[in-house]
Amino acid sequence: MDSNNHDFLGLEDTLEEDDYALIMSKDGTLKGIWIPSGSEGDEVPNAITDVIKHFWDVDANDETSYGTIH
């Protein structure tokens, strides 16, 4: 089996219904956060905000700190 020959799966096809995902450009810039529909509360969980804060110095629960992240 050729490991380079595989079907492309989109983001929606690879995530469970309660998964989050970080979307980055090829240079590592944070472009967005995939938030599951029906997620509890309005805040992104601490495990995810800690990673975003560490690598991009952005508070994902404070819209005034990022502005352009979708």
C-alpha atoms as a PDB file:
ATOM      1  CA  MET A   1       0.000   0.000   0.000  1.00  0.00           C
ATOM      2  CA  ASP A   2       1.360   3.401  -0.999  1.00  0.00           C
ATOM      3  CA  SER A   3       1.236   5.716   2.044  1.00  0.00           C
ATOM      4  CA  ASN A   4       1.110   8.767  -0.251  1.00  0.00           C
ATOM      5  CA  ASN A   5      -2.080   7.532  -1.905  1.00  0.00           C
ATOM      6  CA  HIS A   6      -4.973   8.306   0.412  1.00  0.00           C
ATOM      7  CA  ASP A   7      -8.316  10.043   0.402  1.00  0.00           C
ATOM      8  CA  PHE A   8      -8.412  13.630   1.631  1.00  0.00           C
ATOM      9  CA  LEU A   9     -10.579  14.076   4.702  1.00  0.00           C
ATOM     10  CA  GLY A  10     -11.800  17.554   5.548  1.00  0.00           C
ATOM     11  CA  LEU A  11     -11.710  18.987   9.038  1.00  0.00           C
ATOM     12  CA  GLU A  12     -15.358  18.204   9.675  1.00  0.00           C
ATOM     13  CA  ASP A  13     -14.762  14.557   8.697  1.00  0.00           C
ATOM     14  CA  THR A  14     -11.894  14.029  11.149  1.00  0.00           C
ATOM     15  CA  LEU A  15     -13.243  15.652  14.330  1.00  0.00           C
ATOM     16  CA  GLU A  16     -15.601  14.270  16.927  1.00  0.00           C
ATOM     17  CA  GLU A  17     -18.634  16.425  17.724  1.00  0.00           C
ATOM     18  CA  ASP A  18     -17.015  17.891  20.876  1.00  0.00           C
ATOM     19  CA  ASP A  19     -13.481  18.457  19.468  1.00  0.00           C
ATOM     20  CA  TYR A  20     -11.769  21.813  19.083  1.00  0.00           C
ATOM     21  CA  ALA A  21      -9.111  22.565  16.450  1.00  0.00           C
ATOM     22  CA  LEU A  22      -6.526  25.277  15.902  1.00  0.00           C
ATOM     23  CA  ILE A  23      -6.206  26.536  12.342  1.00  0.00           C
ATOM     24  CA  MET A  24      -2.775  27.849  11.379  1.00  0.00           C
ATOM     25  CA  SER A  25      -1.137  29.245   8.294  1.00  0.00           C
ATOM     26  CA  LYS A  26       1.882  27.471   6.835  1.00  0.00           C
ATOM     27  CA  ASP A  27       4.152  29.907   8.706  1.00  0.00           C
ATOM     28  CA  GLY A  28       2.542  29.053  12.064  1.00  0.00           C
ATOM     29  CA  THR A  29       0.311  32.104  12.445  1.00  0.00           C
ATOM     30  CA  LEU A  30      -2.890  31.316  14.323  1.00  0.00           C
ATOM     31  CA  LYS A  31      -5.783  31.950  11.945  1.00  0.00           C
ATOM     32  CA  GLY A  32      -8.739  30.453  13.744  1.00  0.00           C
ATOM     33  CA  ILE A  33     -10.224  28.187  16.344  1.00  0.00           C
ATOM     34  CA  TRP A  34     -12.724  25.495  15.394  1.00  0.00           C
ATOM     35  CA  ILE A  35     -15.313  25.458  18.173  1.00  0.00           C
ATOM     36  CA  PRO A  36     -17.817  22.597  18.227  1.00  0.00           C
ATOM     37  CA  SER A  37     -21.439  23.522  17.732  1.00  0.00           C
ATOM     38  CA  GLY A  38     -23.418  23.289  20.918  1.00  0.00           C
ATOM     39  CA  SER A  39     -20.323  23.686  23.096  1.00  0.00           C
ATOM     40  CA  GLU A  40     -21.122  24.321  26.733  1.00  0.00           C
ATOM     41  CA  GLY A  41     -20.751  27.948  27.741  1.00  0.00           C
ATOM     42  CA  ASP A  42     -19.169  30.719  25.738  1.00  0.00           C
ATOM     43  CA  GLU A  43     -15.586  30.163  26.856  1.00  0.00           C
ATOM     44  CA  VAL A  44     -12.888  28.045  25.226  1.00  0.00           C
ATOM     45  CA  PRO A  45     -11.613  25.392  27.729  1.00  0.00           C
ATOM     46  CA  ASN A  46      -8.455  26.162  29.734  1.00  0.00           C
ATOM     47  CA  ALA A  47      -6.465  23.331  28.128  1.00  0.00           C
ATOM     48  CA  ILE A  48      -6.873  25.050  24.760  1.00  0.00           C
ATOM     49  CA  THR A  49      -6.514  28.651  25.945  1.00  0.00           C
ATOM     50  CA  ASP A  50      -3.265  27.716  27.722  1.00  0.00           C
ATOM     51  CA  VAL A  51      -1.746  26.436  24.459  1.00  0.00           C
ATOM     52  CA  ILE A  52      -2.919  29.503  22.519  1.00  0.00           C
ATOM     53  CA  LYS A  53      -1.615  31.844  25.212  1.00  0.00           C
ATOM     54  CA  HIS A  54       1.752  30.046  25.339  1.00  0.00           C
ATOM     55  CA  PHE A  55       2.438  29.986  21.592  1.00  0.00           C
ATOM     56  CA  TRP A  56       0.642  33.116  20.326  1.00  0.00           C
ATOM     57  CA  ASP A  57       0.166  35.226  23.483  1.00  0.00           C
ATOM     58  CA  VAL A  58      -3.558  35.466  22.745  1.00  0.00           C
ATOM     59  CA  ASP A  59      -6.377  35.051  25.260  1.00  0.00           C
ATOM     60  CA  ALA A  60      -8.980  33.101  23.284  1.00  0.00           C
ATOM     61  CA  ASN A  61     -11.681  34.107  25.756  1.00  0.00           C
ATOM     62  CA  ASP A  62     -11.006  37.844  25.362  1.00  0.00           C
ATOM     63  CA  GLU A  63     -12.155  39.063  21.926  1.00  0.00           C
ATOM     64  CA  THR A  64     -10.338  42.371  22.413  1.00  0.00           C
ATOM     65  CA  SER A  65      -6.983  40.565  22.462  1.00  0.00           C
ATOM     66  CA  TYR A  66      -7.170  39.047  18.987  1.00  0.00           C
ATOM     67  CA  GLY A  67      -9.583  40.862  16.692  1.00  0.00           C
ATOM     68  CA  THR A  68      -8.934  38.955  13.469  1.00  0.00           C
ATOM     69  CA  ILE A  69      -8.992  35.304  14.567  1.00  0.00           C
ATOM     70  CA  HIS A  70     -12.105  33.608  13.152  1.00  0.00           C
END
